[in-house]
Amino acid sequence: MNINRDTLLKPLSAINSIVERRHTLPILSNLLLEAEAGFVTMTATDLEMQISLSIEGQVEDVIKTTVSARKLLDICRSLPEGCTLKITHQDPRLLVSAKRSRFSLQTLPAADYPIMSRSSGSELTLRLTQREFRRLLRETEFAMAQQDIRYYLNGLLLDVHGNRLHVVGTDGHRLSHTYLELGQNFDKQEIILPRKTVLELTKLLEDVENEIVIELGASQAHFTFSNVKLISKVIDGKFPDYNRVIPTGHQNRLVIDRTEVLQAMQRASILSNEKYHGIRLVLGPNILRLISSNSEQEEAEEELEIDYSGEALDIGFNVTYLIDVLTNIQSQTVEFSFADANSSCLVTVPDYPNYKYVVMPMRI
């Protein structure tokens, strides 16, 4: 098999991130390499998720074996750009050569590789563009929990009902919700995608109009797009009712330039408490003050002119949660809505009603 180093490097890098380096099963440190009929397919799994990528290659002999994913990637990275790799399988070795370099790698039998089988049961199939699905993930993934004891929060909710796909992430302190109008109506179906799967999808999806096919089952989700096939187990649990968390009727509202308030919050956060990251939002007639302090009695204050005529408010928040949302939405302006000093803040986008972000207040 002959293949360009640059052609091989991108998919190798993509699937290496799910390979477990210190797994109890040594074969899970390997990738499954299959070459025949002009195509090279690489598959990696951690038993919870599986990614397969196919690329075109000049294949003379059929190859089907497993080899260390990390070592093959390191070899590829170390070789000069644009060079051609010649790969042959002489059991139990995989021979890789390029120019004057030669490598002999240990292999394990392909028959022993634990391929994830497709689960049976009813599935719901969605078809949308990579750009649309990538945007849904980017708008919500940052609100997912990390290693929370409430395991169902360590992922994203995909909730299909009627003609909408809702995507929701929450860690219990903030919640990010967005939805996409679909071309047809569906019966209600909910799944929770694990955090690792979401992060891999975000890396693999491209900002293009090409189609992604999403198949949602009771215990698995399948994603097919470009040259990628991804299978993931889903989290078995009950996600919180996000509709109860999203407030309605917040009367005190202000619309502000997203970049301006983001930069002001980033500056104010420098002197916030390193453990709690607290910041006070002090609202008065046409003025917003951002105030932070820390245990060394250091203080930062930012003042912004705004169009605001609601009641005076002084509310504390984790500034990281506000910076996250302002970084991950792409609009020119954002709207903040408040009820009182003890209620959550609702962040929305004036010309994009599909998106809502809720963050709970904190005492400072």
Protein backbone atom coordinates (compact mmCIF):
# COMPACT_ATOMS: atom_id res chain seq x y z
CA MET A 1 0.00 0.00 0.00
CA ASN A 2 1.31 3.45 -0.97
CA ILE A 3 -0.18 6.55 0.62
CA ASN A 4 0.76 10.21 0.97
CA ARG A 5 1.99 11.12 4.44
CA ASP A 6 -0.26 14.23 4.64
CA THR A 7 -3.34 12.26 3.54
CA LEU A 8 -2.75 9.72 6.30
CA LEU A 9 -1.85 12.20 9.03
CA LYS A 10 -5.20 13.99 9.39
CA PRO A 11 -7.42 10.91 10.00
CA LEU A 12 -4.72 9.33 12.16
CA SER A 13 -4.68 12.41 14.40
CA ALA A 14 -8.49 12.44 14.55
CA ILE A 15 -8.93 8.89 15.78
CA ASN A 16 -5.94 8.91 18.15
CA SER A 17 -7.81 11.07 20.63
CA ILE A 18 -10.19 8.24 21.55
CA VAL A 19 -7.52 5.55 21.82
CA GLU A 20 -6.94 4.48 25.43
CA ARG A 21 -3.19 4.37 26.08
CA ARG A 22 -3.33 2.55 29.42
CA HIS A 23 -6.25 0.20 28.93
CA THR A 24 -6.55 -3.19 30.57
CA LEU A 25 -7.00 -4.61 27.05
CA PRO A 26 -3.71 -3.97 25.17
CA ILE A 27 -5.46 -4.21 21.79
CA LEU A 28 -7.44 -1.05 22.60
CA SER A 29 -4.18 0.90 22.29
CA ASN A 30 -4.20 -0.21 18.65
CA LEU A 31 -6.25 0.88 15.68
CA LEU A 32 -7.77 -1.51 13.19
CA LEU A 33 -6.16 -0.94 9.78
CA GLU A 34 -7.99 -2.27 6.71
CA ALA A 35 -6.81 -1.66 3.14
CA GLU A 36 -8.46 -3.03 0.02
CA ALA A 37 -10.04 -1.92 -3.28
CA GLY A 38 -8.38 1.50 -3.29
CA PHE A 39 -9.51 2.48 0.22
CA VAL A 40 -7.79 2.56 3.60
CA THR A 41 -10.05 2.44 6.67
CA MET A 42 -8.87 3.09 10.21
CA THR A 43 -11.03 2.27 13.22
CA ALA A 44 -10.48 3.06 16.89
CA THR A 45 -12.67 2.34 19.92
CA ASP A 46 -12.68 2.69 23.70
CA LEU A 47 -15.72 0.35 23.96
CA GLU A 48 -18.00 3.35 24.60
CA MET A 49 -17.43 5.06 21.25
CA GLN A 50 -16.02 3.95 17.90
CA ILE A 51 -14.72 6.07 15.01
CA SER A 52 -13.97 4.81 11.49
CA LEU A 53 -12.38 7.03 8.83
CA SER A 54 -11.82 6.05 5.19
CA ILE A 55 -9.34 7.57 2.76
CA GLU A 56 -8.25 6.71 -0.76
CA GLY A 57 -4.93 4.92 -1.20
CA GLN A 58 -2.96 2.92 -3.73
CA VAL A 59 -3.64 -0.59 -2.45
CA GLU A 60 -2.00 -3.62 -4.08
CA ASP A 61 -2.40 -6.21 -1.31
CA VAL A 62 -5.25 -6.56 1.15
CA ILE A 63 -4.21 -5.54 4.67
CA LYS A 64 -6.28 -6.28 7.78
CA THR A 65 -4.48 -5.98 11.11
CA THR A 66 -4.16 -3.85 14.24
CA VAL A 67 -1.19 -1.66 15.12
CA SER A 68 -0.28 0.87 17.81
CA ALA A 69 -2.20 4.06 17.02
CA ARG A 70 0.23 6.29 18.88
CA LYS A 71 3.37 4.86 17.27
CA LEU A 72 1.93 5.04 13.75
CA LEU A 73 0.91 8.67 14.35
CA ASP A 74 4.34 9.58 15.77
CA ILE A 75 6.04 8.01 12.74
CA CYS A 76 3.78 9.95 10.37
CA ARG A 77 4.41 13.23 12.18
CA SER A 78 8.18 12.74 12.13
CA LEU A 79 8.41 12.11 8.38
CA PRO A 80 8.86 14.99 5.88
CA GLU A 81 5.76 16.68 4.47
CA GLY A 82 4.52 15.34 1.14
CA CYS A 83 6.50 12.09 1.22
CA THR A 84 4.96 8.73 0.26
CA LEU A 85 4.65 5.93 2.78
CA LYS A 86 4.88 2.31 1.70
CA ILE A 87 3.02 0.07 4.16
CA THR A 88 3.11 -3.74 4.00
CA HIS A 89 1.90 -6.40 6.40
CA GLN A 90 4.19 -9.35 7.07
CA ASP A 91 2.47 -11.02 10.01
CA PRO A 92 3.18 -10.32 12.88
CA ARG A 93 4.84 -7.09 11.68
CA LEU A 94 3.66 -3.98 9.88
CA LEU A 95 6.47 -2.50 7.80
CA VAL A 96 6.44 1.24 7.12
CA SER A 97 9.02 2.87 4.88
CA ALA A 98 9.47 6.36 3.43
CA LYS A 99 12.56 7.62 1.62
CA ARG A 100 15.45 6.23 3.71
CA SER A 101 13.40 5.51 6.85
CA ARG A 102 12.27 2.01 7.82
CA PHE A 103 10.00 0.97 10.70
CA SER A 104 8.89 -2.48 11.83
CA LEU A 105 5.84 -2.42 14.12
CA GLN A 106 4.32 -5.19 16.23
CA THR A 107 0.72 -6.08 15.29
CA LEU A 108 -2.13 -7.96 16.95
CA PRO A 109 -4.73 -9.99 15.01
CA ALA A 110 -7.64 -8.07 13.48
CA ALA A 111 -9.98 -10.88 14.50
CA ASP A 112 -9.36 -9.98 18.17
CA TYR A 113 -10.31 -6.32 17.75
CA PRO A 114 -13.53 -5.51 19.71
CA ILE A 115 -15.68 -3.90 17.03
CA MET A 116 -18.85 -2.30 18.44
CA SER A 117 -21.87 -4.03 16.94
CA ARG A 118 -24.93 -2.08 15.89
CA SER A 119 -27.72 -2.36 18.45
CA SER A 120 -31.13 -3.56 17.38
CA GLY A 121 -34.30 -1.64 18.09
CA SER A 122 -36.22 1.27 16.64
CA GLU A 123 -34.17 4.19 15.38
CA LEU A 124 -35.01 7.71 14.40
CA THR A 125 -33.06 9.11 11.44
CA LEU A 126 -32.29 12.82 11.03
CA ARG A 127 -30.61 14.47 8.07
CA LEU A 128 -29.12 17.94 8.41
CA THR A 129 -26.00 19.79 7.36
CA GLN A 130 -22.69 19.51 9.18
CA ARG A 131 -22.74 23.28 9.65
CA GLU A 132 -26.14 23.17 11.40
CA PHE A 133 -25.24 20.31 13.73
CA ARG A 134 -21.80 21.75 14.51
CA ARG A 135 -23.43 25.03 15.49
CA LEU A 136 -25.90 23.26 17.81
CA LEU A 137 -23.03 21.48 19.58
CA ARG A 138 -20.85 24.59 19.86
CA GLU A 139 -23.72 26.58 21.40
CA THR A 140 -24.30 24.03 24.17
CA GLU A 141 -21.23 21.85 24.81
CA PHE A 142 -19.48 24.33 27.12
CA ALA A 143 -22.34 24.02 29.65
CA MET A 144 -21.91 20.25 30.09
CA ALA A 145 -20.77 18.98 33.49
CA GLN A 146 -17.37 17.36 33.95
CA GLN A 147 -17.18 14.21 36.08
CA ASP A 148 -20.34 15.12 38.00
CA ILE A 149 -21.74 12.46 40.34
CA ARG A 150 -25.04 13.10 38.51
CA TYR A 151 -23.71 11.16 35.52
CA TYR A 152 -26.62 12.22 33.27
CA LEU A 153 -25.25 15.80 33.31
CA ASN A 154 -21.90 14.67 31.81
CA GLY A 155 -23.24 14.95 28.29
CA LEU A 156 -25.68 16.71 25.98
CA LEU A 157 -29.39 16.05 25.65
CA LEU A 158 -30.65 15.52 22.10
CA ASP A 159 -34.44 15.86 22.30
CA VAL A 160 -36.46 15.34 19.12
CA HIS A 161 -40.17 16.05 19.13
CA GLY A 162 -42.48 17.48 16.54
CA ASN A 163 -40.44 19.29 13.92
CA ARG A 164 -37.60 20.37 16.23
CA LEU A 165 -34.27 18.99 17.41
CA HIS A 166 -33.48 20.47 20.84
CA VAL A 167 -29.92 20.30 22.20
CA VAL A 168 -29.33 21.08 25.89
CA GLY A 169 -26.29 21.12 28.17
CA THR A 170 -26.27 21.87 31.91
CA ASP A 171 -24.01 21.39 34.93
CA GLY A 172 -26.63 22.41 37.47
CA HIS A 173 -25.35 26.02 37.71
CA ARG A 174 -26.05 27.12 34.13
CA LEU A 175 -28.00 25.74 31.18
CA SER A 176 -27.55 26.24 27.44
CA HIS A 177 -30.44 25.42 25.11
CA THR A 178 -30.80 25.67 21.35
CA TYR A 179 -32.98 24.08 18.70
CA LEU A 180 -33.21 23.51 14.97
CA GLU A 181 -36.36 23.35 12.85
CA LEU A 182 -36.52 20.05 10.98
CA GLY A 183 -38.20 19.40 7.65
CA GLN A 184 -40.73 16.93 9.08
CA ASN A 185 -42.47 15.86 12.29
CA PHE A 186 -41.10 13.09 14.50
CA ASP A 187 -42.30 11.15 17.53
CA LYS A 188 -40.62 12.28 20.74
CA GLN A 189 -37.22 10.72 21.42
CA GLU A 190 -34.54 11.74 23.91
CA ILE A 191 -30.95 10.56 24.25
CA ILE A 192 -27.98 11.84 26.28
CA LEU A 193 -24.72 11.89 24.30
CA PRO A 194 -21.60 11.37 26.47
CA ARG A 195 -19.23 14.29 26.87
CA LYS A 196 -16.34 12.56 25.08
CA THR A 197 -18.54 11.84 22.05
CA VAL A 198 -19.69 15.47 21.89
CA LEU A 199 -16.11 16.76 21.99
CA GLU A 200 -15.00 14.33 19.25
CA LEU A 201 -17.93 15.31 17.02
CA THR A 202 -17.15 19.00 17.48
CA LYS A 203 -13.57 18.36 16.29
CA LEU A 204 -14.57 16.19 13.32
CA LEU A 205 -17.50 18.22 11.97
CA GLU A 206 -16.69 20.90 9.41
CA ASP A 207 -18.37 24.23 8.67
CA VAL A 208 -19.83 22.97 5.37
CA GLU A 209 -23.23 22.26 3.83
CA ASN A 210 -22.46 18.54 3.41
CA GLU A 211 -25.00 16.21 4.97
CA ILE A 212 -24.73 14.37 8.28
CA VAL A 213 -27.03 11.41 8.94
CA ILE A 214 -27.89 10.96 12.63
CA GLU A 215 -29.53 7.74 13.81
CA LEU A 216 -30.79 7.75 17.38
CA GLY A 217 -31.61 4.46 19.10
CA ALA A 218 -32.39 3.41 22.67
CA SER A 219 -28.78 2.55 23.56
CA GLN A 220 -26.67 3.93 20.68
CA ALA A 221 -26.31 6.94 18.41
CA HIS A 222 -24.78 6.73 14.92
CA PHE A 223 -23.31 9.64 12.97
CA THR A 224 -22.29 9.35 9.32
CA PHE A 225 -20.70 12.27 7.47
CA SER A 226 -17.90 12.88 4.95
CA ASN A 227 -15.51 9.92 5.40
CA VAL A 228 -16.46 9.39 9.06
CA LYS A 229 -18.64 6.82 10.80
CA LEU A 230 -19.04 7.31 14.54
CA ILE A 231 -20.95 5.01 16.91
CA SER A 232 -21.52 5.98 20.52
CA LYS A 233 -23.26 4.45 23.49
CA VAL A 234 -25.70 6.85 25.16
CA ILE A 235 -25.98 7.72 28.85
CA ASP A 236 -28.76 5.84 30.59
CA GLY A 237 -30.46 8.41 32.80
CA LYS A 238 -33.19 11.03 33.06
CA PHE A 239 -32.14 14.52 32.01
CA PRO A 240 -33.69 17.44 33.98
CA ASP A 241 -36.76 19.14 32.51
CA TYR A 242 -35.04 22.07 30.83
CA ASN A 243 -38.32 23.90 30.12
CA ARG A 244 -38.84 24.42 33.87
CA VAL A 245 -35.40 26.03 34.21
CA ILE A 246 -35.76 28.60 31.41
CA PRO A 247 -37.43 31.68 32.95
CA THR A 248 -40.17 33.73 31.32
CA GLY A 249 -41.28 37.24 32.13
CA HIS A 250 -37.95 38.76 33.22
CA GLN A 251 -38.76 42.48 32.98
CA ASN A 252 -35.36 44.11 33.43
CA ARG A 253 -33.59 43.85 30.09
CA LEU A 254 -30.57 45.32 28.41
CA VAL A 255 -29.10 44.81 24.94
CA ILE A 256 -25.35 45.24 24.71
CA ASP A 257 -22.50 44.75 22.24
CA ARG A 258 -21.22 41.21 22.77
CA THR A 259 -17.53 41.93 22.19
CA GLU A 260 -17.54 45.03 24.40
CA VAL A 261 -19.06 43.29 27.43
CA LEU A 262 -16.96 40.14 26.86
CA GLN A 263 -13.70 42.11 26.94
CA ALA A 264 -14.83 44.05 30.02
CA MET A 265 -15.67 40.79 31.84
CA GLN A 266 -12.33 39.26 30.86
CA ARG A 267 -10.52 42.27 32.34
CA ALA A 268 -12.62 42.25 35.52
CA SER A 269 -12.12 38.51 35.96
CA ILE A 270 -8.35 38.99 36.40
CA LEU A 271 -8.88 40.10 40.00
CA SER A 272 -11.82 37.82 40.82
CA ASN A 273 -11.55 35.18 43.54
CA GLU A 274 -9.57 32.24 42.11
CA LYS A 275 -11.90 29.68 43.67
CA TYR A 276 -15.35 31.19 43.06
CA HIS A 277 -14.68 33.56 40.12
CA GLY A 278 -17.36 35.93 41.39
CA ILE A 279 -18.30 39.19 39.68
CA ARG A 280 -21.00 41.73 40.56
CA LEU A 281 -23.21 43.21 37.88
CA VAL A 282 -24.47 46.55 39.20
CA LEU A 283 -27.22 48.01 37.03
CA GLY A 284 -28.40 51.61 37.19
CA PRO A 285 -29.94 54.13 34.76
CA ASN A 286 -27.97 53.72 31.50
CA ILE A 287 -24.93 52.28 33.30
CA LEU A 288 -23.55 48.78 33.93
CA ARG A 289 -20.70 48.32 36.37
CA LEU A 290 -18.74 45.08 36.60
CA ILE A 291 -16.96 44.71 39.97
CA SER A 292 -14.68 41.91 41.16
CA SER A 293 -12.43 41.43 44.18
CA ASN A 294 -10.31 38.71 45.74
CA SER A 295 -8.96 37.55 49.10
CA GLU A 296 -6.00 39.96 48.82
CA GLN A 297 -8.49 42.88 48.85
CA GLU A 298 -7.64 43.69 45.24
CA GLU A 299 -10.47 45.11 43.13
CA ALA A 300 -11.34 45.62 39.49
CA GLU A 301 -14.17 47.75 38.15
CA GLU A 302 -15.42 48.19 34.59
CA GLU A 303 -18.09 50.72 33.61
CA LEU A 304 -20.17 50.43 30.43
CA GLU A 305 -22.73 52.86 29.01
CA ILE A 306 -25.94 51.02 28.15
CA ASP A 307 -29.54 51.72 27.24
CA TYR A 308 -31.27 50.66 30.45
CA SER A 309 -34.22 52.11 32.34
CA GLY A 310 -35.22 49.14 34.50
CA GLU A 311 -34.90 48.89 38.28
CA ALA A 312 -31.49 49.19 39.97
CA LEU A 313 -29.94 45.76 40.56
CA ASP A 314 -26.81 44.35 42.17
CA ILE A 315 -26.35 40.66 41.29
CA GLY A 316 -23.40 38.28 41.64
CA PHE A 317 -22.44 35.63 39.09
CA ASN A 318 -19.62 33.24 38.29
CA VAL A 319 -17.89 35.33 35.62
CA THR A 320 -16.57 32.20 33.86
CA TYR A 321 -20.14 31.16 33.05
CA LEU A 322 -20.83 34.54 31.42
CA ILE A 323 -17.53 34.59 29.52
CA ASP A 324 -18.28 31.07 28.20
CA VAL A 325 -21.57 32.04 26.61
CA LEU A 326 -20.25 35.32 25.18
CA THR A 327 -17.32 33.43 23.62
CA ASN A 328 -19.42 30.69 22.05
CA ILE A 329 -22.23 32.67 20.42
CA GLN A 330 -21.40 34.59 17.27
CA SER A 331 -23.89 37.49 17.27
CA GLN A 332 -23.05 41.19 17.32
CA THR A 333 -25.34 41.92 20.29
CA VAL A 334 -26.74 39.96 23.25
CA GLU A 335 -29.65 40.56 25.59
CA PHE A 336 -29.46 40.06 29.36
CA SER A 337 -32.76 39.69 31.24
CA PHE A 338 -33.19 39.82 35.02
CA ALA A 339 -36.12 39.55 37.46
CA ASP A 340 -34.49 40.56 40.76
CA ALA A 341 -31.21 40.20 42.66
CA ASN A 342 -31.99 36.60 43.67
CA SER A 343 -33.12 35.24 40.31
CA SER A 344 -31.33 33.71 37.35
CA CYS A 345 -30.05 35.69 34.39
CA LEU A 346 -31.37 34.83 30.93
CA VAL A 347 -29.02 35.48 28.01
CA THR A 348 -30.58 35.57 24.53
CA VAL A 349 -29.67 36.79 21.05
CA PRO A 350 -31.98 39.48 19.61
CA ASP A 351 -32.15 38.11 16.03
CA TYR A 352 -31.84 34.41 16.88
CA PRO A 353 -34.78 33.26 19.05
CA ASN A 354 -33.68 29.58 18.98
CA TYR A 355 -30.99 30.14 21.63
CA LYS A 356 -31.35 30.60 25.41
CA TYR A 357 -28.75 30.51 28.19
CA VAL A 358 -29.61 30.55 31.89
CA VAL A 359 -27.09 31.18 34.66
CA MET A 360 -27.88 31.05 38.39
CA PRO A 361 -26.77 33.92 40.66
CA MET A 362 -24.20 33.55 43.44
CA ARG A 363 -23.66 35.43 46.70
CA ILE A 364 -20.61 37.64 46.76
